[in-house]
Amino acid sequence: MYKKKQGLGGWIATILLTLYCLIAVILIGNMIISSFKTKHDLLFNTFGFPKEFSIENYQQVLIKDSLYRNFINSIFLTVASILSLVFVSSMTAYGLARYRFKGRQSLEVYFLLGLMFPIQIAILPLFVIMRTFSLTNTFIGMIMLYTANMSFSLFIFTQFFKELPSALHESAIIDGAGEFTIYLQIMMPISKPVIFTVMTVSFVQIWNDFYLPLVFLAKRSLHTLTLAIYQYLANFLAYWNYVFAAATLALIPVIIVFLIFSDQIISGLAAGSIKE
């Protein structure tokens, strides 16, 4: 099979991406190694291996500082938000892709504007609305915010549903299936690659999010893992050994998710963007 030669631009992009990946691996590796150092060892041996591997940092953050509670908060908020996001965005995309009504294209453009403008630019009116309805300091309010920020997932689902043959929908209607039955029992099963993609990308975004929990979760018992890590940096003298240990723990679920669903991410993006 003929393989197109890579041009100068391709080589430059490859070199830059390779350097970026190499730097990222080095920094992450140093973070993991430093998480086993004592504060004194980290101060005088920043980039070397620890003189003696110690799990004291992990004992401090997990047990003494009760980081496991923040871990549980992050897991619950992330999982609940992803389930809500997938359900709402897929159902909305199904309606936009399968039905023709006045204003449909304008509605699509409106939703896609979220890809251009981050949610942070509307943080003040959002805070006023959330406080008015007593949704601050609640996981329900956070789940609603993450669900509303569905521009990417809506775009992927919409493109996928548009590429499905209309005969599939019409034959289901002839067989007597209702719209919700078609959506739940036909459309969702065949859109598994897209679902895995949306779930994985959303997991990383929500799990690593710091800004929205900082604004809307002032109650300490509701703090997520990112807020808990920030507490170690908020002091005048940062406890970097605890920061590295907590950050390493926060990195583990992300690595696991990508190792399991890496193939599904690629196939899902292809299914939601390539037109035949």
C-alpha atoms as a PDB file:
ATOM      1  CA  MET A   1       0.000   0.000   0.000  1.00  0.00           C
ATOM      2  CA  TYR A   2       1.330   3.425  -0.933  1.00  0.00           C
ATOM      3  CA  LYS A   3       2.389   5.521   2.007  1.00  0.00           C
ATOM      4  CA  LYS A   4       2.621   9.275   1.600  1.00  0.00           C
ATOM      5  CA  LYS A   5       5.982  10.753   2.579  1.00  0.00           C
ATOM      6  CA  GLN A   6       6.016  13.050   5.546  1.00  0.00           C
ATOM      7  CA  GLY A   7       6.800  16.669   4.727  1.00  0.00           C
ATOM      8  CA  LEU A   8       8.804  19.219   6.688  1.00  0.00           C
ATOM      9  CA  GLY A   9       5.747  20.347   8.626  1.00  0.00           C
ATOM     10  CA  GLY A  10       5.007  16.757   9.603  1.00  0.00           C
ATOM     11  CA  TRP A  11       8.552  16.217  10.866  1.00  0.00           C
ATOM     12  CA  ILE A  12       8.441  19.432  12.903  1.00  0.00           C
ATOM     13  CA  ALA A  13       5.101  18.422  14.439  1.00  0.00           C
ATOM     14  CA  THR A  14       6.467  14.956  15.234  1.00  0.00           C
ATOM     15  CA  ILE A  15       9.585  16.363  16.899  1.00  0.00           C
ATOM     16  CA  LEU A  16       7.593  18.882  18.947  1.00  0.00           C
ATOM     17  CA  LEU A  17       5.077  16.253  20.068  1.00  0.00           C
ATOM     18  CA  THR A  18       7.899  13.861  20.964  1.00  0.00           C
ATOM     19  CA  LEU A  19       9.616  16.544  23.050  1.00  0.00           C
ATOM     20  CA  TYR A  20       6.340  17.411  24.733  1.00  0.00           C
ATOM     21  CA  CYS A  21       5.664  13.763  25.610  1.00  0.00           C
ATOM     22  CA  LEU A  22       9.229  13.302  26.849  1.00  0.00           C
ATOM     23  CA  ILE A  23       9.012  16.355  29.116  1.00  0.00           C
ATOM     24  CA  ALA A  24       5.614  15.235  30.417  1.00  0.00           C
ATOM     25  CA  VAL A  25       6.918  11.733  31.202  1.00  0.00           C
ATOM     26  CA  ILE A  26       9.969  13.160  32.998  1.00  0.00           C
ATOM     27  CA  LEU A  27       7.875  15.563  35.093  1.00  0.00           C
ATOM     28  CA  ILE A  28       5.290  12.911  36.001  1.00  0.00           C
ATOM     29  CA  GLY A  29       8.030  10.422  36.818  1.00  0.00           C
ATOM     30  CA  ASN A  30       9.774  12.965  39.047  1.00  0.00           C
ATOM     31  CA  MET A  31       6.473  13.713  40.793  1.00  0.00           C
ATOM     32  CA  ILE A  32       5.898  10.022  41.549  1.00  0.00           C
ATOM     33  CA  ILE A  33       9.462   9.531  42.783  1.00  0.00           C
ATOM     34  CA  SER A  34       9.309  12.698  44.908  1.00  0.00           C
ATOM     35  CA  SER A  35       6.115  11.479  46.557  1.00  0.00           C
ATOM     36  CA  PHE A  36       8.261   8.922  48.400  1.00  0.00           C
ATOM     37  CA  LYS A  37      10.725  11.518  49.704  1.00  0.00           C
ATOM     38  CA  THR A  38      10.722  13.249  53.055  1.00  0.00           C
ATOM     39  CA  LYS A  39      10.462  17.026  53.131  1.00  0.00           C
ATOM     40  CA  HIS A  40      14.172  17.358  53.937  1.00  0.00           C
ATOM     41  CA  ASP A  41      15.184  14.913  51.219  1.00  0.00           C
ATOM     42  CA  LEU A  42      12.999  16.713  48.672  1.00  0.00           C
ATOM     43  CA  LEU A  43      14.553  20.060  49.556  1.00  0.00           C
ATOM     44  CA  PHE A  44      18.155  18.954  49.007  1.00  0.00           C
ATOM     45  CA  ASN A  45      17.569  16.192  46.458  1.00  0.00           C
ATOM     46  CA  THR A  46      14.905  17.584  44.166  1.00  0.00           C
ATOM     47  CA  PHE A  47      15.479  15.522  41.022  1.00  0.00           C
ATOM     48  CA  GLY A  48      17.279  12.449  42.324  1.00  0.00           C
ATOM     49  CA  PHE A  49      16.007   9.198  43.744  1.00  0.00           C
ATOM     50  CA  PRO A  50      15.126   9.271  47.458  1.00  0.00           C
ATOM     51  CA  LYS A  51      17.782   8.116  49.876  1.00  0.00           C
ATOM     52  CA  GLU A  52      15.131   5.952  51.474  1.00  0.00           C
ATOM     53  CA  PHE A  53      11.689   5.243  50.026  1.00  0.00           C
ATOM     54  CA  SER A  54       9.029   6.204  52.554  1.00  0.00           C
ATOM     55  CA  ILE A  55       5.219   5.941  52.485  1.00  0.00           C
ATOM     56  CA  GLU A  56       4.899   8.523  55.248  1.00  0.00           C
ATOM     57  CA  ASN A  57       3.524  11.116  52.808  1.00  0.00           C
ATOM     58  CA  TYR A  58       0.735   8.776  51.716  1.00  0.00           C
ATOM     59  CA  GLN A  59      -0.104   7.929  55.313  1.00  0.00           C
ATOM     60  CA  GLN A  60      -0.270  11.636  56.107  1.00  0.00           C
ATOM     61  CA  VAL A  61      -2.559  12.641  53.238  1.00  0.00           C
ATOM     62  CA  LEU A  62      -4.801   9.570  53.225  1.00  0.00           C
ATOM     63  CA  ILE A  63      -5.239   8.855  56.941  1.00  0.00           C
ATOM     64  CA  LYS A  64      -4.243  11.892  59.004  1.00  0.00           C
ATOM     65  CA  ASP A  65      -5.550  14.490  56.545  1.00  0.00           C
ATOM     66  CA  SER A  66      -8.527  12.303  55.495  1.00  0.00           C
ATOM     67  CA  LEU A  67      -7.830  12.716  51.804  1.00  0.00           C
ATOM     68  CA  TYR A  68      -9.840   9.560  51.170  1.00  0.00           C
ATOM     69  CA  ARG A  69     -13.007  11.576  51.844  1.00  0.00           C
ATOM     70  CA  ASN A  70     -12.098  14.051  49.116  1.00  0.00           C
ATOM     71  CA  PHE A  71     -11.296  11.083  46.886  1.00  0.00           C
ATOM     72  CA  ILE A  72     -14.790   9.701  47.465  1.00  0.00           C
ATOM     73  CA  ASN A  73     -16.319  13.137  46.798  1.00  0.00           C
ATOM     74  CA  SER A  74     -14.477  13.359  43.475  1.00  0.00           C
ATOM     75  CA  ILE A  75     -15.509   9.856  42.444  1.00  0.00           C
ATOM     76  CA  PHE A  76     -19.173  10.469  43.242  1.00  0.00           C
ATOM     77  CA  LEU A  77     -19.292  13.878  41.568  1.00  0.00           C
ATOM     78  CA  THR A  78     -17.441  12.671  38.477  1.00  0.00           C
ATOM     79  CA  VAL A  79     -19.475   9.487  37.964  1.00  0.00           C
ATOM     80  CA  ALA A  80     -22.837  11.170  38.603  1.00  0.00           C
ATOM     81  CA  SER A  81     -21.968  14.088  36.307  1.00  0.00           C
ATOM     82  CA  ILE A  82     -20.831  11.769  33.496  1.00  0.00           C
ATOM     83  CA  LEU A  83     -24.016   9.686  33.660  1.00  0.00           C
ATOM     84  CA  SER A  84     -26.162  12.830  33.575  1.00  0.00           C
ATOM     85  CA  LEU A  85     -24.052  14.362  30.803  1.00  0.00           C
ATOM     86  CA  VAL A  86     -24.227  11.276  28.579  1.00  0.00           C
ATOM     87  CA  PHE A  87     -27.985  10.917  29.019  1.00  0.00           C
ATOM     88  CA  VAL A  88     -28.883  14.573  28.418  1.00  0.00           C
ATOM     89  CA  SER A  89     -26.426  15.248  25.588  1.00  0.00           C
ATOM     90  CA  SER A  90     -27.219  12.027  23.717  1.00  0.00           C
ATOM     91  CA  MET A  91     -30.974  12.588  23.962  1.00  0.00           C
ATOM     92  CA  THR A  92     -30.616  16.199  22.842  1.00  0.00           C
ATOM     93  CA  ALA A  93     -28.341  15.160  19.974  1.00  0.00           C
ATOM     94  CA  TYR A  94     -30.827  12.482  18.920  1.00  0.00           C
ATOM     95  CA  GLY A  95     -33.562  15.096  18.645  1.00  0.00           C
ATOM     96  CA  LEU A  96     -31.345  17.536  16.731  1.00  0.00           C
ATOM     97  CA  ALA A  97     -30.114  14.866  14.324  1.00  0.00           C
ATOM     98  CA  ARG A  98     -33.377  13.070  13.598  1.00  0.00           C
ATOM     99  CA  TYR A  99     -36.007  15.815  13.481  1.00  0.00           C
ATOM    100  CA  ARG A 100     -36.435  18.819  11.244  1.00  0.00           C
ATOM    101  CA  PHE A 101     -38.006  21.830  12.936  1.00  0.00           C
ATOM    102  CA  LYS A 102     -37.773  25.589  12.705  1.00  0.00           C
ATOM    103  CA  GLY A 103     -34.715  26.954  14.436  1.00  0.00           C
ATOM    104  CA  ARG A 104     -32.897  23.612  14.587  1.00  0.00           C
ATOM    105  CA  GLN A 105     -29.703  24.892  12.975  1.00  0.00           C
ATOM    106  CA  SER A 106     -29.701  28.000  15.156  1.00  0.00           C
ATOM    107  CA  LEU A 107     -30.070  25.772  18.209  1.00  0.00           C
ATOM    108  CA  GLU A 108     -27.116  23.659  17.075  1.00  0.00           C
ATOM    109  CA  VAL A 109     -24.976  26.767  16.652  1.00  0.00           C
ATOM    110  CA  TYR A 110     -26.050  27.997  20.082  1.00  0.00           C
ATOM    111  CA  PHE A 111     -24.932  24.757  21.712  1.00  0.00           C
ATOM    112  CA  LEU A 112     -21.663  24.694  19.778  1.00  0.00           C
ATOM    113  CA  LEU A 113     -20.754  28.180  20.996  1.00  0.00           C
ATOM    114  CA  GLY A 114     -19.740  26.449  24.215  1.00  0.00           C
ATOM    115  CA  LEU A 115     -16.739  25.039  22.345  1.00  0.00           C
ATOM    116  CA  MET A 116     -15.555  28.598  21.674  1.00  0.00           C
ATOM    117  CA  PHE A 117     -16.412  30.234  24.990  1.00  0.00           C
ATOM    118  CA  PRO A 118     -15.430  28.558  28.275  1.00  0.00           C
ATOM    119  CA  ILE A 119     -17.880  28.390  31.149  1.00  0.00           C
ATOM    120  CA  GLN A 120     -15.628  30.689  33.196  1.00  0.00           C
ATOM    121  CA  ILE A 121     -16.721  33.788  31.262  1.00  0.00           C
ATOM    122  CA  ALA A 122     -20.242  33.379  32.662  1.00  0.00           C
ATOM    123  CA  ILE A 123     -19.190  32.522  36.205  1.00  0.00           C
ATOM    124  CA  LEU A 124     -20.722  35.610  37.849  1.00  0.00           C
ATOM    125  CA  PRO A 125     -24.295  35.194  36.514  1.00  0.00           C
ATOM    126  CA  LEU A 126     -23.989  31.446  37.123  1.00  0.00           C
ATOM    127  CA  PHE A 127     -23.078  32.055  40.743  1.00  0.00           C
ATOM    128  CA  VAL A 128     -26.029  34.430  41.199  1.00  0.00           C
ATOM    129  CA  ILE A 129     -28.416  31.870  39.688  1.00  0.00           C
ATOM    130  CA  MET A 130     -26.995  29.014  41.734  1.00  0.00           C
ATOM    131  CA  ARG A 131     -27.174  31.001  44.970  1.00  0.00           C
ATOM    132  CA  THR A 132     -30.743  32.134  44.207  1.00  0.00           C
ATOM    133  CA  PHE A 133     -31.899  28.523  43.922  1.00  0.00           C
ATOM    134  CA  SER A 134     -29.754  27.368  46.875  1.00  0.00           C
ATOM    135  CA  LEU A 135     -27.614  25.158  44.647  1.00  0.00           C
ATOM    136  CA  THR A 136     -24.239  26.328  45.931  1.00  0.00           C
ATOM    137  CA  ASN A 137     -22.462  23.898  48.269  1.00  0.00           C
ATOM    138  CA  THR A 138     -24.420  20.997  46.774  1.00  0.00           C
ATOM    139  CA  PHE A 139     -23.380  18.158  44.503  1.00  0.00           C
ATOM    140  CA  ILE A 140     -26.674  18.508  42.632  1.00  0.00           C
ATOM    141  CA  GLY A 141     -25.728  22.021  41.582  1.00  0.00           C
ATOM    142  CA  MET A 142     -22.298  20.854  40.412  1.00  0.00           C
ATOM    143  CA  ILE A 143     -23.820  17.982  38.431  1.00  0.00           C
ATOM    144  CA  MET A 144     -26.177  20.444  36.727  1.00  0.00           C
ATOM    145  CA  LEU A 145     -23.247  22.709  35.799  1.00  0.00           C
ATOM    146  CA  TYR A 146     -21.205  19.884  34.317  1.00  0.00           C
ATOM    147  CA  THR A 147     -24.233  18.578  32.450  1.00  0.00           C
ATOM    148  CA  ALA A 148     -25.000  22.002  31.007  1.00  0.00           C
ATOM    149  CA  ASN A 149     -21.407  22.266  29.767  1.00  0.00           C
ATOM    150  CA  MET A 150     -22.083  19.595  27.127  1.00  0.00           C
ATOM    151  CA  SER A 151     -20.989  21.266  23.887  1.00  0.00           C
ATOM    152  CA  PHE A 152     -18.296  18.701  23.053  1.00  0.00           C
ATOM    153  CA  SER A 153     -20.381  15.628  23.849  1.00  0.00           C
ATOM    154  CA  LEU A 154     -23.404  17.094  22.048  1.00  0.00           C
ATOM    155  CA  PHE A 155     -21.325  17.717  18.940  1.00  0.00           C
ATOM    156  CA  ILE A 156     -19.912  14.165  18.891  1.00  0.00           C
ATOM    157  CA  PHE A 157     -23.313  12.538  19.451  1.00  0.00           C
ATOM    158  CA  THR A 158     -25.039  14.755  16.871  1.00  0.00           C
ATOM    159  CA  GLN A 159     -22.507  13.971  14.151  1.00  0.00           C
ATOM    160  CA  PHE A 160     -22.770  10.260  14.887  1.00  0.00           C
ATOM    161  CA  PHE A 161     -26.576  10.183  14.825  1.00  0.00           C
ATOM    162  CA  LYS A 162     -26.657  12.170  11.564  1.00  0.00           C
ATOM    163  CA  GLU A 163     -24.534   9.518   9.855  1.00  0.00           C
ATOM    164  CA  LEU A 164     -26.894   6.685  10.780  1.00  0.00           C
ATOM    165  CA  PRO A 165     -29.222   5.600   7.945  1.00  0.00           C
ATOM    166  CA  SER A 166     -32.762   6.968   8.274  1.00  0.00           C
ATOM    167  CA  ALA A 167     -34.098   3.524   7.366  1.00  0.00           C
ATOM    168  CA  LEU A 168     -33.033   2.304  10.789  1.00  0.00           C
ATOM    169  CA  HIS A 169     -35.304   4.821  12.478  1.00  0.00           C
ATOM    170  CA  GLU A 170     -38.157   4.325  10.009  1.00  0.00           C
ATOM    171  CA  SER A 171     -38.174   0.523  10.320  1.00  0.00           C
ATOM    172  CA  ALA A 172     -38.325   0.824  14.107  1.00  0.00           C
ATOM    173  CA  ILE A 173     -41.312   3.179  13.797  1.00  0.00           C
ATOM    174  CA  ILE A 174     -43.067   0.714  11.466  1.00  0.00           C
ATOM    175  CA  ASP A 175     -42.478  -2.067  14.008  1.00  0.00           C
ATOM    176  CA  GLY A 176     -44.356   0.018  16.566  1.00  0.00           C
ATOM    177  CA  ALA A 177     -41.446   1.253  18.663  1.00  0.00           C
ATOM    178  CA  GLY A 178     -41.836   4.584  20.431  1.00  0.00           C
ATOM    179  CA  GLU A 179     -39.284   7.362  20.231  1.00  0.00           C
ATOM    180  CA  PHE A 180     -37.847   6.732  23.672  1.00  0.00           C
ATOM    181  CA  THR A 181     -37.636   2.996  22.948  1.00  0.00           C
ATOM    182  CA  ILE A 182     -35.765   3.706  19.709  1.00  0.00           C
ATOM    183  CA  TYR A 183     -33.388   6.012  21.526  1.00  0.00           C
ATOM    184  CA  LEU A 184     -32.770   3.687  24.466  1.00  0.00           C
ATOM    185  CA  GLN A 185     -32.759   0.251  22.829  1.00  0.00           C
ATOM    186  CA  ILE A 186     -31.443   0.992  19.330  1.00  0.00           C
ATOM    187  CA  MET A 187     -29.509   4.260  19.210  1.00  0.00           C
ATOM    188  CA  MET A 188     -27.646   3.972  22.493  1.00  0.00           C
ATOM    189  CA  PRO A 189     -26.320   0.414  21.988  1.00  0.00           C
ATOM    190  CA  ILE A 190     -24.911   1.211  18.527  1.00  0.00           C
ATOM    191  CA  SER A 191     -23.332   4.433  19.790  1.00  0.00           C
ATOM    192  CA  LYS A 192     -21.107   2.701  22.364  1.00  0.00           C
ATOM    193  CA  PRO A 193     -17.829   3.991  20.822  1.00  0.00           C
ATOM    194  CA  VAL A 194     -19.103   7.562  21.100  1.00  0.00           C
ATOM    195  CA  ILE A 195     -20.352   6.962  24.644  1.00  0.00           C
ATOM    196  CA  PHE A 196     -16.936   5.666  25.727  1.00  0.00           C
ATOM    197  CA  THR A 197     -15.256   8.681  24.145  1.00  0.00           C
ATOM    198  CA  VAL A 198     -17.562  11.170  25.834  1.00  0.00           C
ATOM    199  CA  MET A 199     -17.254   9.388  29.174  1.00  0.00           C
ATOM    200  CA  THR A 200     -13.455   9.299  29.043  1.00  0.00           C
ATOM    201  CA  VAL A 201     -12.946  12.906  27.958  1.00  0.00           C
ATOM    202  CA  SER A 202     -15.551  14.118  30.461  1.00  0.00           C
ATOM    203  CA  PHE A 203     -13.953  12.054  33.212  1.00  0.00           C
ATOM    204  CA  VAL A 204     -10.611  13.796  32.748  1.00  0.00           C
ATOM    205  CA  GLN A 205     -12.211  17.247  32.576  1.00  0.00           C
ATOM    206  CA  ILE A 206     -14.413  16.827  35.629  1.00  0.00           C
ATOM    207  CA  TRP A 207     -11.884  14.876  37.704  1.00  0.00           C
ATOM    208  CA  ASN A 208      -9.199  17.517  37.168  1.00  0.00           C
ATOM    209  CA  ASP A 209     -11.508  20.522  37.432  1.00  0.00           C
ATOM    210  CA  PHE A 210     -10.452  23.021  40.051  1.00  0.00           C
ATOM    211  CA  TYR A 211     -12.238  26.239  39.130  1.00  0.00           C
ATOM    212  CA  LEU A 212     -15.902  25.277  39.501  1.00  0.00           C
ATOM    213  CA  PRO A 213     -15.478  23.411  42.825  1.00  0.00           C
ATOM    214  CA  LEU A 214     -13.473  26.372  44.132  1.00  0.00           C
ATOM    215  CA  VAL A 215     -16.318  28.766  43.312  1.00  0.00           C
ATOM    216  CA  PHE A 216     -19.351  26.656  44.205  1.00  0.00           C
ATOM    217  CA  LEU A 217     -18.147  24.266  46.940  1.00  0.00           C
ATOM    218  CA  ALA A 218     -17.084  26.367  49.898  1.00  0.00           C
ATOM    219  CA  LYS A 219     -18.109  23.740  52.457  1.00  0.00           C
ATOM    220  CA  ARG A 220     -15.016  21.763  53.405  1.00  0.00           C
ATOM    221  CA  SER A 221     -16.847  18.443  53.723  1.00  0.00           C
ATOM    222  CA  LEU A 222     -17.761  18.690  50.003  1.00  0.00           C
ATOM    223  CA  HIS A 223     -14.283  19.507  48.741  1.00  0.00           C
ATOM    224  CA  THR A 224     -13.022  17.483  45.812  1.00  0.00           C
ATOM    225  CA  LEU A 225      -9.519  16.073  45.442  1.00  0.00           C
ATOM    226  CA  THR A 226      -8.240  19.093  43.513  1.00  0.00           C
ATOM    227  CA  LEU A 227      -9.358  21.452  46.275  1.00  0.00           C
ATOM    228  CA  ALA A 228      -7.752  19.228  48.907  1.00  0.00           C
ATOM    229  CA  ILE A 229      -4.445  19.318  47.026  1.00  0.00           C
ATOM    230  CA  TYR A 230      -4.704  23.085  46.802  1.00  0.00           C
ATOM    231  CA  GLN A 231      -4.866  23.296  50.599  1.00  0.00           C
ATOM    232  CA  TYR A 232      -1.262  22.092  50.769  1.00  0.00           C
ATOM    233  CA  LEU A 233      -0.254  24.988  48.503  1.00  0.00           C
ATOM    234  CA  ALA A 234      -2.385  27.623  50.213  1.00  0.00           C
ATOM    235  CA  ASN A 235      -0.086  27.878  53.204  1.00  0.00           C
ATOM    236  CA  PHE A 236       2.867  30.260  53.302  1.00  0.00           C
ATOM    237  CA  LEU A 237       5.215  27.259  53.212  1.00  0.00           C
ATOM    238  CA  ALA A 238       4.010  24.633  50.762  1.00  0.00           C
ATOM    239  CA  TYR A 239       4.329  20.977  51.729  1.00  0.00           C
ATOM    240  CA  TRP A 240       5.492  19.740  48.361  1.00  0.00           C
ATOM    241  CA  ASN A 241       6.053  16.175  49.544  1.00  0.00           C
ATOM    242  CA  TYR A 242       2.350  15.972  50.480  1.00  0.00           C
ATOM    243  CA  VAL A 243       1.369  17.704  47.225  1.00  0.00           C
ATOM    244  CA  PHE A 244       3.258  15.120  45.162  1.00  0.00           C
ATOM    245  CA  ALA A 245       1.734  12.227  47.101  1.00  0.00           C
ATOM    246  CA  ALA A 246      -1.802  13.580  46.722  1.00  0.00           C
ATOM    247  CA  ALA A 247      -1.246  14.408  43.036  1.00  0.00           C
ATOM    248  CA  THR A 248       0.058  10.887  42.402  1.00  0.00           C
ATOM    249  CA  LEU A 249      -3.095   9.438  43.951  1.00  0.00           C
ATOM    250  CA  ALA A 250      -5.210  11.742  41.783  1.00  0.00           C
ATOM    251  CA  LEU A 251      -3.323  10.618  38.683  1.00  0.00           C
ATOM    252  CA  ILE A 252      -3.986   6.895  39.170  1.00  0.00           C
ATOM    253  CA  PRO A 253      -7.689   6.878  38.082  1.00  0.00           C
ATOM    254  CA  VAL A 254      -6.879   8.952  34.983  1.00  0.00           C
ATOM    255  CA  ILE A 255      -4.151   6.530  33.904  1.00  0.00           C
ATOM    256  CA  ILE A 256      -6.431   3.536  34.491  1.00  0.00           C
ATOM    257  CA  VAL A 257      -9.258   5.069  32.454  1.00  0.00           C
ATOM    258  CA  PHE A 258      -6.987   5.866  29.512  1.00  0.00           C
ATOM    259  CA  LEU A 259      -5.350   2.441  29.559  1.00  0.00           C
ATOM    260  CA  ILE A 260      -8.749   0.740  29.451  1.00  0.00           C
ATOM    261  CA  PHE A 261     -10.571   3.011  26.990  1.00  0.00           C
ATOM    262  CA  SER A 262      -7.776   4.347  24.727  1.00  0.00           C
ATOM    263  CA  ASP A 263      -8.942   2.324  21.697  1.00  0.00           C
ATOM    264  CA  GLN A 264     -12.571   3.305  22.262  1.00  0.00           C
ATOM    265  CA  ILE A 265     -11.604   6.993  22.371  1.00  0.00           C
ATOM    266  CA  ILE A 266     -10.024   6.862  18.913  1.00  0.00           C
ATOM    267  CA  SER A 267     -12.865   4.866  17.350  1.00  0.00           C
ATOM    268  CA  GLY A 268     -15.459   7.076  19.030  1.00  0.00           C
ATOM    269  CA  LEU A 269     -13.898  10.298  17.740  1.00  0.00           C
ATOM    270  CA  ALA A 270     -13.698   8.797  14.266  1.00  0.00           C
ATOM    271  CA  ALA A 271     -17.321   7.654  14.407  1.00  0.00           C
ATOM    272  CA  GLY A 272     -18.475  11.092  15.507  1.00  0.00           C
ATOM    273  CA  SER A 273     -16.518  13.151  13.017  1.00  0.00           C
ATOM    274  CA  ILE A 274     -15.832  11.273   9.763  1.00  0.00           C
ATOM    275  CA  LYS A 275     -18.447  11.368   7.024  1.00  0.00           C
ATOM    276  CA  GLU A 276     -18.555   8.670   4.423  1.00  0.00           C
END
